[in-house]
Amino acid sequence: MKDTFEKIENKEIKRCSKCGQYKELAQFYDSNLSSGYGRICVSCKQIKNFKPQLKAKQTTPYCPKCNGSMLIKKSSFGKFYGCARFPICDGKRNINFIS
């Protein structure tokens, strides 16, 4: 255990930010990087089925009055989209509104 801490302090081993395992510094070498060493180990980079997560598109409509974002709100008549800038802007749309 003490030997492991000494290796970390001497930068002989490093922790992979993807798998969380401590590995030799040579496992992080990447010739494409300016520093020569990356944060992810070589074995994690070789995963073939890796798909980065894309950000979801905004599905809520924009306010017809101020072009701001809208929130789902409730009233005695049911749900509707109301402007997030209420009470400055009182824009609203039907919940069944499509873009």
PDB file of N, CA and C in Angstrom:
ATOM      1  N   MET A   1       0.832  -1.191   0.000  1.00  0.00           N
ATOM      2  CA  MET A   1       0.000   0.000   0.000  1.00  0.00           C
ATOM      3  C   MET A   1       0.878   1.257   0.000  1.00  0.00           C
ATOM      4  N   LYS A   2       1.897   1.248   0.854  1.00  0.00           N
ATOM      5  CA  LYS A   2       2.792   2.392   0.933  1.00  0.00           C
ATOM      6  C   LYS A   2       3.538   2.574  -0.378  1.00  0.00           C
ATOM      7  N   ASP A   3       3.886   1.452  -1.004  1.00  0.00           N
ATOM      8  CA  ASP A   3       4.580   1.474  -2.287  1.00  0.00           C
ATOM      9  C   ASP A   3       3.715   2.130  -3.364  1.00  0.00           C
ATOM     10  N   THR A   4       2.405   1.861  -3.335  1.00  0.00           N
ATOM     11  CA  THR A   4       1.470   2.435  -4.305  1.00  0.00           C
ATOM     12  C   THR A   4       1.400   3.953  -4.160  1.00  0.00           C
ATOM     13  N   PHE A   5       1.330   4.451  -2.926  1.00  0.00           N
ATOM     14  CA  PHE A   5       1.283   5.898  -2.708  1.00  0.00           C
ATOM     15  C   PHE A   5       2.562   6.574  -3.182  1.00  0.00           C
ATOM     16  N   GLU A   6       3.698   5.904  -2.981  1.00  0.00           N
ATOM     17  CA  GLU A   6       4.970   6.459  -3.447  1.00  0.00           C
ATOM     18  C   GLU A   6       5.004   6.530  -4.963  1.00  0.00           C
ATOM     19  N   LYS A   7       4.461   5.529  -5.644  1.00  0.00           N
ATOM     20  CA  LYS A   7       4.422   5.539  -7.102  1.00  0.00           C
ATOM     21  C   LYS A   7       3.511   6.634  -7.633  1.00  0.00           C
ATOM     22  N   ILE A   8       2.395   6.894  -6.928  1.00  0.00           N
ATOM     23  CA  ILE A   8       1.492   7.973  -7.339  1.00  0.00           C
ATOM     24  C   ILE A   8       2.183   9.316  -7.177  1.00  0.00           C
ATOM     25  N   GLU A   9       2.861   9.524  -6.054  1.00  0.00           N
ATOM     26  CA  GLU A   9       3.563  10.781  -5.812  1.00  0.00           C
ATOM     27  C   GLU A   9       4.699  10.995  -6.800  1.00  0.00           C
ATOM     28  N   ASN A  10       5.382   9.920  -7.188  1.00  0.00           N
ATOM     29  CA  ASN A  10       6.481  10.015  -8.146  1.00  0.00           C
ATOM     30  C   ASN A  10       5.988  10.012  -9.590  1.00  0.00           C
ATOM     31  N   LYS A  11       4.683   9.967  -9.775  1.00  0.00           N
ATOM     32  CA  LYS A  11       4.025   9.961 -11.089  1.00  0.00           C
ATOM     33  C   LYS A  11       4.472   8.784 -11.948  1.00  0.00           C
ATOM     34  N   GLU A  12       4.614   7.623 -11.307  1.00  0.00           N
ATOM     35  CA  GLU A  12       4.925   6.393 -12.028  1.00  0.00           C
ATOM     36  C   GLU A  12       3.648   5.657 -12.420  1.00  0.00           C
ATOM     37  N   ILE A  13       2.581   5.833 -11.644  1.00  0.00           N
ATOM     38  CA  ILE A  13       1.278   5.273 -11.982  1.00  0.00           C
ATOM     39  C   ILE A  13       0.248   6.389 -11.940  1.00  0.00           C
ATOM     40  N   LYS A  14      -0.845   6.161 -12.637  1.00  0.00           N
ATOM     41  CA  LYS A  14      -1.886   7.178 -12.787  1.00  0.00           C
ATOM     42  C   LYS A  14      -3.243   6.502 -12.768  1.00  0.00           C
ATOM     43  N   ARG A  15      -4.279   7.234 -12.381  1.00  0.00           N
ATOM     44  CA  ARG A  15      -5.644   6.706 -12.329  1.00  0.00           C
ATOM     45  C   ARG A  15      -6.374   7.074 -13.611  1.00  0.00           C
ATOM     46  N   CYS A  16      -6.975   6.092 -14.264  1.00  0.00           N
ATOM     47  CA  CYS A  16      -7.763   6.312 -15.477  1.00  0.00           C
ATOM     48  C   CYS A  16      -9.084   6.970 -15.094  1.00  0.00           C
ATOM     49  N   SER A  17      -9.426   8.045 -15.771  1.00  0.00           N
ATOM     50  CA  SER A  17     -10.665   8.755 -15.442  1.00  0.00           C
ATOM     51  C   SER A  17     -11.903   8.016 -15.943  1.00  0.00           C
ATOM     52  N   LYS A  18     -11.749   7.017 -16.824  1.00  0.00           N
ATOM     53  CA  LYS A  18     -12.904   6.293 -17.332  1.00  0.00           C
ATOM     54  C   LYS A  18     -13.190   5.019 -16.540  1.00  0.00           C
ATOM     55  N   CYS A  19     -12.161   4.168 -16.356  1.00  0.00           N
ATOM     56  CA  CYS A  19     -12.385   2.898 -15.656  1.00  0.00           C
ATOM     57  C   CYS A  19     -12.045   2.988 -14.171  1.00  0.00           C
ATOM     58  N   GLY A  20     -11.291   4.003 -13.749  1.00  0.00           N
ATOM     59  CA  GLY A  20     -10.985   4.208 -12.341  1.00  0.00           C
ATOM     60  C   GLY A  20      -9.838   3.369 -11.811  1.00  0.00           C
ATOM     61  N   GLN A  21      -9.167   2.610 -12.657  1.00  0.00           N
ATOM     62  CA  GLN A  21      -8.069   1.760 -12.217  1.00  0.00           C
ATOM     63  C   GLN A  21      -6.746   2.518 -12.278  1.00  0.00           C
ATOM     64  N   TYR A  22      -5.831   2.162 -11.373  1.00  0.00           N
ATOM     65  CA  TYR A  22      -4.488   2.718 -11.389  1.00  0.00           C
ATOM     66  C   TYR A  22      -3.628   1.861 -12.301  1.00  0.00           C
ATOM     67  N   LYS A  23      -2.932   2.513 -13.249  1.00  0.00           N
ATOM     68  CA  LYS A  23      -2.120   1.800 -14.219  1.00  0.00           C
ATOM     69  C   LYS A  23      -0.792   2.523 -14.407  1.00  0.00           C
ATOM     70  N   GLU A  24       0.163   1.810 -15.001  1.00  0.00           N
ATOM     71  CA  GLU A  24       1.474   2.385 -15.286  1.00  0.00           C
ATOM     72  C   GLU A  24       1.310   3.570 -16.237  1.00  0.00           C
ATOM     73  N   LEU A  25       2.197   4.527 -16.147  1.00  0.00           N
ATOM     74  CA  LEU A  25       2.126   5.738 -16.953  1.00  0.00           C
ATOM     75  C   LEU A  25       2.196   5.436 -18.452  1.00  0.00           C
ATOM     76  N   ALA A  26       2.883   4.372 -18.825  1.00  0.00           N
ATOM     77  CA  ALA A  26       2.993   3.993 -20.235  1.00  0.00           C
ATOM     78  C   ALA A  26       1.628   3.634 -20.828  1.00  0.00           C
ATOM     79  N   GLN A  27       0.662   3.228 -20.018  1.00  0.00           N
ATOM     80  CA  GLN A  27      -0.677   2.885 -20.488  1.00  0.00           C
ATOM     81  C   GLN A  27      -1.478   4.118 -20.921  1.00  0.00           C
ATOM     82  N   PHE A  28      -0.993   5.328 -20.609  1.00  0.00           N
ATOM     83  CA  PHE A  28      -1.698   6.561 -20.935  1.00  0.00           C
ATOM     84  C   PHE A  28      -1.054   7.315 -22.103  1.00  0.00           C
ATOM     85  N   TYR A  29      -0.007   6.745 -22.695  1.00  0.00           N
ATOM     86  CA  TYR A  29       0.707   7.419 -23.773  1.00  0.00           C
ATOM     87  C   TYR A  29      -0.173   7.558 -25.003  1.00  0.00           C
ATOM     88  N   ASP A  30      -0.160   8.767 -25.591  1.00  0.00           N
ATOM     89  CA  ASP A  30      -0.907   9.039 -26.820  1.00  0.00           C
ATOM     90  C   ASP A  30      -0.102  10.031 -27.651  1.00  0.00           C
ATOM     91  N   SER A  31       0.365   9.613 -28.806  1.00  0.00           N
ATOM     92  CA  SER A  31       1.204  10.472 -29.643  1.00  0.00           C
ATOM     93  C   SER A  31       0.435  11.645 -30.250  1.00  0.00           C
ATOM     94  N   ASN A  32      -0.886  11.591 -30.251  1.00  0.00           N
ATOM     95  CA  ASN A  32      -1.695  12.673 -30.813  1.00  0.00           C
ATOM     96  C   ASN A  32      -1.816  13.867 -29.875  1.00  0.00           C
ATOM     97  N   LEU A  33      -1.487  13.699 -28.599  1.00  0.00           N
ATOM     98  CA  LEU A  33      -1.615  14.770 -27.614  1.00  0.00           C
ATOM     99  C   LEU A  33      -0.308  15.535 -27.482  1.00  0.00           C
ATOM    100  N   SER A  34      -0.409  16.834 -27.210  1.00  0.00           N
ATOM    101  CA  SER A  34       0.799  17.651 -27.093  1.00  0.00           C
ATOM    102  C   SER A  34       1.621  17.277 -25.865  1.00  0.00           C
ATOM    103  N   SER A  35       0.960  16.875 -24.776  1.00  0.00           N
ATOM    104  CA  SER A  35       1.690  16.488 -23.567  1.00  0.00           C
ATOM    105  C   SER A  35       2.217  15.059 -23.660  1.00  0.00           C
ATOM    106  N   GLY A  36       1.641  14.261 -24.556  1.00  0.00           N
ATOM    107  CA  GLY A  36       2.073  12.883 -24.724  1.00  0.00           C
ATOM    108  C   GLY A  36       1.286  11.887 -23.906  1.00  0.00           C
ATOM    109  N   TYR A  37       0.613  12.351 -22.852  1.00  0.00           N
ATOM    110  CA  TYR A  37      -0.136  11.452 -21.979  1.00  0.00           C
ATOM    111  C   TYR A  37      -1.553  11.987 -21.788  1.00  0.00           C
ATOM    112  N   GLY A  38      -2.529  11.085 -21.876  1.00  0.00           N
ATOM    113  CA  GLY A  38      -3.921  11.473 -21.721  1.00  0.00           C
ATOM    114  C   GLY A  38      -4.475  11.086 -20.366  1.00  0.00           C
ATOM    115  N   ARG A  39      -5.767  11.332 -20.169  1.00  0.00           N
ATOM    116  CA  ARG A  39      -6.447  10.989 -18.913  1.00  0.00           C
ATOM    117  C   ARG A  39      -7.045   9.602 -18.953  1.00  0.00           C
ATOM    118  N   ILE A  40      -7.218   9.038 -20.160  1.00  0.00           N
ATOM    119  CA  ILE A  40      -7.853   7.731 -20.328  1.00  0.00           C
ATOM    120  C   ILE A  40      -6.797   6.733 -20.790  1.00  0.00           C
ATOM    121  N   CYS A  41      -6.801   5.550 -20.212  1.00  0.00           N
ATOM    122  CA  CYS A  41      -5.801   4.522 -20.545  1.00  0.00           C
ATOM    123  C   CYS A  41      -6.060   3.952 -21.947  1.00  0.00           C
ATOM    124  N   VAL A  42      -5.042   3.291 -22.474  1.00  0.00           N
ATOM    125  CA  VAL A  42      -5.100   2.741 -23.827  1.00  0.00           C
ATOM    126  C   VAL A  42      -6.209   1.705 -23.969  1.00  0.00           C
ATOM    127  N   SER A  43      -6.410   0.874 -22.964  1.00  0.00           N
ATOM    128  CA  SER A  43      -7.440  -0.165 -23.068  1.00  0.00           C
ATOM    129  C   SER A  43      -8.846   0.433 -23.091  1.00  0.00           C
ATOM    130  N   CYS A  44      -9.068   1.539 -22.420  1.00  0.00           N
ATOM    131  CA  CYS A  44     -10.381   2.191 -22.458  1.00  0.00           C
ATOM    132  C   CYS A  44     -10.616   2.886 -23.792  1.00  0.00           C
ATOM    133  N   LYS A  45      -9.554   3.371 -24.421  1.00  0.00           N
ATOM    134  CA  LYS A  45      -9.690   4.034 -25.723  1.00  0.00           C
ATOM    135  C   LYS A  45     -10.018   3.053 -26.834  1.00  0.00           C
ATOM    136  N   GLN A  46      -9.696   1.771 -26.637  1.00  0.00           N
ATOM    137  CA  GLN A  46      -9.897   0.782 -27.685  1.00  0.00           C
ATOM    138  C   GLN A  46     -11.280   0.155 -27.669  1.00  0.00           C
ATOM    139  N   ILE A  47     -12.191   0.652 -26.849  1.00  0.00           N
ATOM    140  CA  ILE A  47     -13.557   0.132 -26.821  1.00  0.00           C
ATOM    141  C   ILE A  47     -14.239   0.514 -28.131  1.00  0.00           C
ATOM    142  N   LYS A  48     -14.728  -0.475 -28.858  1.00  0.00           N
ATOM    143  CA  LYS A  48     -15.277  -0.250 -30.200  1.00  0.00           C
ATOM    144  C   LYS A  48     -16.690   0.347 -30.181  1.00  0.00           C
ATOM    145  N   ASN A  49     -17.524  -0.066 -29.244  1.00  0.00           N
ATOM    146  CA  ASN A  49     -18.932   0.333 -29.243  1.00  0.00           C
ATOM    147  C   ASN A  49     -19.192   1.589 -28.426  1.00  0.00           C
ATOM    148  N   PHE A  50     -18.223   2.471 -28.328  1.00  0.00           N
ATOM    149  CA  PHE A  50     -18.403   3.694 -27.560  1.00  0.00           C
ATOM    150  C   PHE A  50     -19.176   4.717 -28.379  1.00  0.00           C
ATOM    151  N   LYS A  51     -20.295   5.189 -27.831  1.00  0.00           N
ATOM    152  CA  LYS A  51     -21.096   6.213 -28.487  1.00  0.00           C
ATOM    153  C   LYS A  51     -21.231   7.389 -27.522  1.00  0.00           C
ATOM    154  N   PRO A  52     -20.746   8.560 -27.893  1.00  0.00           N
ATOM    155  CA  PRO A  52     -20.892   9.700 -27.001  1.00  0.00           C
ATOM    156  C   PRO A  52     -22.357  10.111 -26.891  1.00  0.00           C
ATOM    157  N   GLN A  53     -22.731  10.576 -25.716  1.00  0.00           N
ATOM    158  CA  GLN A  53     -24.111  10.996 -25.506  1.00  0.00           C
ATOM    159  C   GLN A  53     -24.302  12.399 -26.068  1.00  0.00           C
ATOM    160  N   LEU A  54     -25.335  12.550 -26.855  1.00  0.00           N
ATOM    161  CA  LEU A  54     -25.651  13.847 -27.435  1.00  0.00           C
ATOM    162  C   LEU A  54     -26.654  14.562 -26.547  1.00  0.00           C
ATOM    163  N   LYS A  55     -26.554  15.871 -26.523  1.00  0.00           N
ATOM    164  CA  LYS A  55     -27.515  16.651 -25.750  1.00  0.00           C
ATOM    165  C   LYS A  55     -28.873  16.607 -26.443  1.00  0.00           C
ATOM    166  N   ALA A  56     -29.924  16.491 -25.646  1.00  0.00           N
ATOM    167  CA  ALA A  56     -31.274  16.445 -26.198  1.00  0.00           C
ATOM    168  C   ALA A  56     -31.677  17.832 -26.689  1.00  0.00           C
ATOM    169  N   LYS A  57     -32.411  17.852 -27.770  1.00  0.00           N
ATOM    170  CA  LYS A  57     -32.908  19.123 -28.280  1.00  0.00           C
ATOM    171  C   LYS A  57     -34.013  19.636 -27.369  1.00  0.00           C
ATOM    172  N   GLN A  58     -34.164  20.934 -27.324  1.00  0.00           N
ATOM    173  CA  GLN A  58     -35.216  21.509 -26.495  1.00  0.00           C
ATOM    174  C   GLN A  58     -36.556  21.200 -27.143  1.00  0.00           C
ATOM    175  N   THR A  59     -37.432  20.543 -26.393  1.00  0.00           N
ATOM    176  CA  THR A  59     -38.727  20.157 -26.939  1.00  0.00           C
ATOM    177  C   THR A  59     -39.819  21.143 -26.543  1.00  0.00           C
ATOM    178  N   THR A  60     -39.540  22.031 -25.618  1.00  0.00           N
ATOM    179  CA  THR A  60     -40.545  23.020 -25.228  1.00  0.00           C
ATOM    180  C   THR A  60     -40.513  24.175 -26.219  1.00  0.00           C
ATOM    181  N   PRO A  61     -41.661  24.746 -26.515  1.00  0.00           N
ATOM    182  CA  PRO A  61     -41.710  25.850 -27.476  1.00  0.00           C
ATOM    183  C   PRO A  61     -41.160  27.146 -26.874  1.00  0.00           C
ATOM    184  N   TYR A  62     -40.939  28.100 -27.733  1.00  0.00           N
ATOM    185  CA  TYR A  62     -40.517  29.429 -27.300  1.00  0.00           C
ATOM    186  C   TYR A  62     -41.742  30.319 -27.138  1.00  0.00           C
ATOM    187  N   CYS A  63     -41.612  31.306 -26.277  1.00  0.00           N
ATOM    188  CA  CYS A  63     -42.718  32.222 -26.002  1.00  0.00           C
ATOM    189  C   CYS A  63     -43.057  33.026 -27.256  1.00  0.00           C
ATOM    190  N   PRO A  64     -44.347  33.139 -27.617  1.00  0.00           N
ATOM    191  CA  PRO A  64     -44.724  33.898 -28.813  1.00  0.00           C
ATOM    192  C   PRO A  64     -44.540  35.408 -28.646  1.00  0.00           C
ATOM    193  N   LYS A  65     -44.464  35.892 -27.412  1.00  0.00           N
ATOM    194  CA  LYS A  65     -44.339  37.340 -27.186  1.00  0.00           C
ATOM    195  C   LYS A  65     -42.888  37.796 -27.071  1.00  0.00           C
ATOM    196  N   CYS A  66     -42.084  37.096 -26.243  1.00  0.00           N
ATOM    197  CA  CYS A  66     -40.718  37.562 -25.979  1.00  0.00           C
ATOM    198  C   CYS A  66     -39.646  36.611 -26.499  1.00  0.00           C
ATOM    199  N   ASN A  67     -40.037  35.475 -27.095  1.00  0.00           N
ATOM    200  CA  ASN A  67     -39.133  34.459 -27.630  1.00  0.00           C
ATOM    201  C   ASN A  67     -38.277  33.820 -26.529  1.00  0.00           C
ATOM    202  N   GLY A  68     -38.736  33.855 -25.289  1.00  0.00           N
ATOM    203  CA  GLY A  68     -38.041  33.227 -24.168  1.00  0.00           C
ATOM    204  C   GLY A  68     -38.457  31.776 -24.011  1.00  0.00           C
ATOM    205  N   SER A  69     -37.898  31.117 -23.008  1.00  0.00           N
ATOM    206  CA  SER A  69     -38.257  29.719 -22.771  1.00  0.00           C
ATOM    207  C   SER A  69     -39.605  29.642 -22.057  1.00  0.00           C
ATOM    208  N   MET A  70     -40.235  28.465 -22.149  1.00  0.00           N
ATOM    209  CA  MET A  70     -41.543  28.283 -21.539  1.00  0.00           C
ATOM    210  C   MET A  70     -41.509  27.109 -20.576  1.00  0.00           C
ATOM    211  N   LEU A  71     -42.369  27.135 -19.580  1.00  0.00           N
ATOM    212  CA  LEU A  71     -42.481  26.095 -18.568  1.00  0.00           C
ATOM    213  C   LEU A  71     -43.883  25.506 -18.598  1.00  0.00           C
ATOM    214  N   ILE A  72     -44.001  24.234 -18.192  1.00  0.00           N
ATOM    215  CA  ILE A  72     -45.323  23.628 -18.090  1.00  0.00           C
ATOM    216  C   ILE A  72     -45.944  24.080 -16.777  1.00  0.00           C
ATOM    217  N   LYS A  73     -47.132  24.630 -16.853  1.00  0.00           N
ATOM    218  CA  LYS A  73     -47.843  25.129 -15.673  1.00  0.00           C
ATOM    219  C   LYS A  73     -49.227  24.512 -15.615  1.00  0.00           C
ATOM    220  N   LYS A  74     -49.859  24.586 -14.444  1.00  0.00           N
ATOM    221  CA  LYS A  74     -51.203  24.039 -14.253  1.00  0.00           C
ATOM    222  C   LYS A  74     -52.169  25.168 -13.916  1.00  0.00           C
ATOM    223  N   SER A  75     -53.395  24.989 -14.366  1.00  0.00           N
ATOM    224  CA  SER A  75     -54.470  25.892 -13.990  1.00  0.00           C
ATOM    225  C   SER A  75     -55.723  25.055 -13.768  1.00  0.00           C
ATOM    226  N   SER A  76     -56.806  25.705 -13.454  1.00  0.00           N
ATOM    227  CA  SER A  76     -58.063  24.978 -13.259  1.00  0.00           C
ATOM    228  C   SER A  76     -58.575  24.390 -14.576  1.00  0.00           C
ATOM    229  N   PHE A  77     -58.058  24.880 -15.709  1.00  0.00           N
ATOM    230  CA  PHE A  77     -58.465  24.374 -17.022  1.00  0.00           C
ATOM    231  C   PHE A  77     -57.547  23.258 -17.523  1.00  0.00           C
ATOM    232  N   GLY A  78     -56.433  23.005 -16.830  1.00  0.00           N
ATOM    233  CA  GLY A  78     -55.494  21.960 -17.232  1.00  0.00           C
ATOM    234  C   GLY A  78     -54.082  22.512 -17.392  1.00  0.00           C
ATOM    235  N   LYS A  79     -53.231  21.715 -17.996  1.00  0.00           N
ATOM    236  CA  LYS A  79     -51.843  22.111 -18.184  1.00  0.00           C
ATOM    237  C   LYS A  79     -51.678  22.977 -19.421  1.00  0.00           C
ATOM    238  N   PHE A  80     -50.661  23.859 -19.396  1.00  0.00           N
ATOM    239  CA  PHE A  80     -50.337  24.716 -20.525  1.00  0.00           C
ATOM    240  C   PHE A  80     -48.885  25.152 -20.403  1.00  0.00           C
ATOM    241  N   TYR A  81     -48.333  25.690 -21.488  1.00  0.00           N
ATOM    242  CA  TYR A  81     -47.009  26.285 -21.456  1.00  0.00           C
ATOM    243  C   TYR A  81     -47.164  27.753 -21.106  1.00  0.00           C
ATOM    244  N   GLY A  82     -46.421  28.193 -20.091  1.00  0.00           N
ATOM    245  CA  GLY A  82     -46.413  29.600 -19.704  1.00  0.00           C
ATOM    246  C   GLY A  82     -44.995  30.134 -19.767  1.00  0.00           C
ATOM    247  N   CYS A  83     -44.846  31.395 -20.067  1.00  0.00           N
ATOM    248  CA  CYS A  83     -43.534  32.009 -20.203  1.00  0.00           C
ATOM    249  C   CYS A  83     -42.786  31.952 -18.869  1.00  0.00           C
ATOM    250  N   ALA A  84     -41.507  31.659 -18.926  1.00  0.00           N
ATOM    251  CA  ALA A  84     -40.681  31.587 -17.735  1.00  0.00           C
ATOM    252  C   ALA A  84     -40.416  32.977 -17.159  1.00  0.00           C
ATOM    253  N   ARG A  85     -40.676  34.027 -17.930  1.00  0.00           N
ATOM    254  CA  ARG A  85     -40.450  35.399 -17.470  1.00  0.00           C
ATOM    255  C   ARG A  85     -41.701  36.024 -16.843  1.00  0.00           C
ATOM    256  N   PHE A  86     -42.705  35.199 -16.557  1.00  0.00           N
ATOM    257  CA  PHE A  86     -43.914  35.706 -15.916  1.00  0.00           C
ATOM    258  C   PHE A  86     -43.527  36.326 -14.582  1.00  0.00           C
ATOM    259  N   PRO A  87     -44.025  37.445 -14.187  1.00  0.00           N
ATOM    260  CA  PRO A  87     -45.119  38.303 -14.627  1.00  0.00           C
ATOM    261  C   PRO A  87     -44.733  39.379 -15.627  1.00  0.00           C
ATOM    262  N   ILE A  88     -43.449  39.480 -16.013  1.00  0.00           N
ATOM    263  CA  ILE A  88     -43.046  40.488 -16.987  1.00  0.00           C
ATOM    264  C   ILE A  88     -43.667  40.191 -18.339  1.00  0.00           C
ATOM    265  N   CYS A  89     -43.684  38.931 -18.717  1.00  0.00           N
ATOM    266  CA  CYS A  89     -44.294  38.509 -19.968  1.00  0.00           C
ATOM    267  C   CYS A  89     -45.369  37.477 -19.638  1.00  0.00           C
ATOM    268  N   ASP A  90     -46.555  37.617 -20.225  1.00  0.00           N
ATOM    269  CA  ASP A  90     -47.642  36.680 -19.933  1.00  0.00           C
ATOM    270  C   ASP A  90     -47.967  35.784 -21.132  1.00  0.00           C
ATOM    271  N   GLY A  91     -46.945  35.459 -21.936  1.00  0.00           N
ATOM    272  CA  GLY A  91     -47.144  34.588 -23.099  1.00  0.00           C
ATOM    273  C   GLY A  91     -47.503  33.172 -22.665  1.00  0.00           C
ATOM    274  N   LYS A  92     -48.398  32.544 -23.438  1.00  0.00           N
ATOM    275  CA  LYS A  92     -48.807  31.166 -23.138  1.00  0.00           C
ATOM    276  C   LYS A  92     -49.133  30.429 -24.426  1.00  0.00           C
ATOM    277  N   ARG A  93     -49.047  29.103 -24.369  1.00  0.00           N
ATOM    278  CA  ARG A  93     -49.363  28.246 -25.503  1.00  0.00           C
ATOM    279  C   ARG A  93     -50.069  27.006 -25.009  1.00  0.00           C
ATOM    280  N   ASN A  94     -50.814  26.385 -25.887  1.00  0.00           N
ATOM    281  CA  ASN A  94     -51.515  25.139 -25.591  1.00  0.00           C
ATOM    282  C   ASN A  94     -50.476  24.027 -25.429  1.00  0.00           C
ATOM    283  N   ILE A  95     -50.700  23.093 -24.519  1.00  0.00           N
ATOM    284  CA  ILE A  95     -49.765  22.000 -24.262  1.00  0.00           C
ATOM    285  C   ILE A  95     -49.626  21.090 -25.477  1.00  0.00           C
ATOM    286  N   ASN A  96     -50.609  21.027 -26.354  1.00  0.00           N
ATOM    287  CA  ASN A  96     -50.575  20.192 -27.550  1.00  0.00           C
ATOM    288  C   ASN A  96     -49.901  20.906 -28.725  1.00  0.00           C
ATOM    289  N   PHE A  97     -49.335  22.073 -28.490  1.00  0.00           N
ATOM    290  CA  PHE A  97     -48.681  22.857 -29.532  1.00  0.00           C
ATOM    291  C   PHE A  97     -47.447  22.108 -30.011  1.00  0.00           C
ATOM    292  N   ILE A  98     -47.267  22.014 -31.329  1.00  0.00           N
ATOM    293  CA  ILE A  98     -46.103  21.364 -31.910  1.00  0.00           C
ATOM    294  C   ILE A  98     -45.287  22.439 -32.627  1.00  0.00           C
ATOM    295  N   SER A  99     -44.081  22.681 -32.157  1.00  0.00           N
ATOM    296  CA  SER A  99     -43.140  23.686 -32.678  1.00  0.00           C
ATOM    297  C   SER A  99     -43.897  24.812 -33.320  1.00  0.00           C
TER     298      SER A  99
END
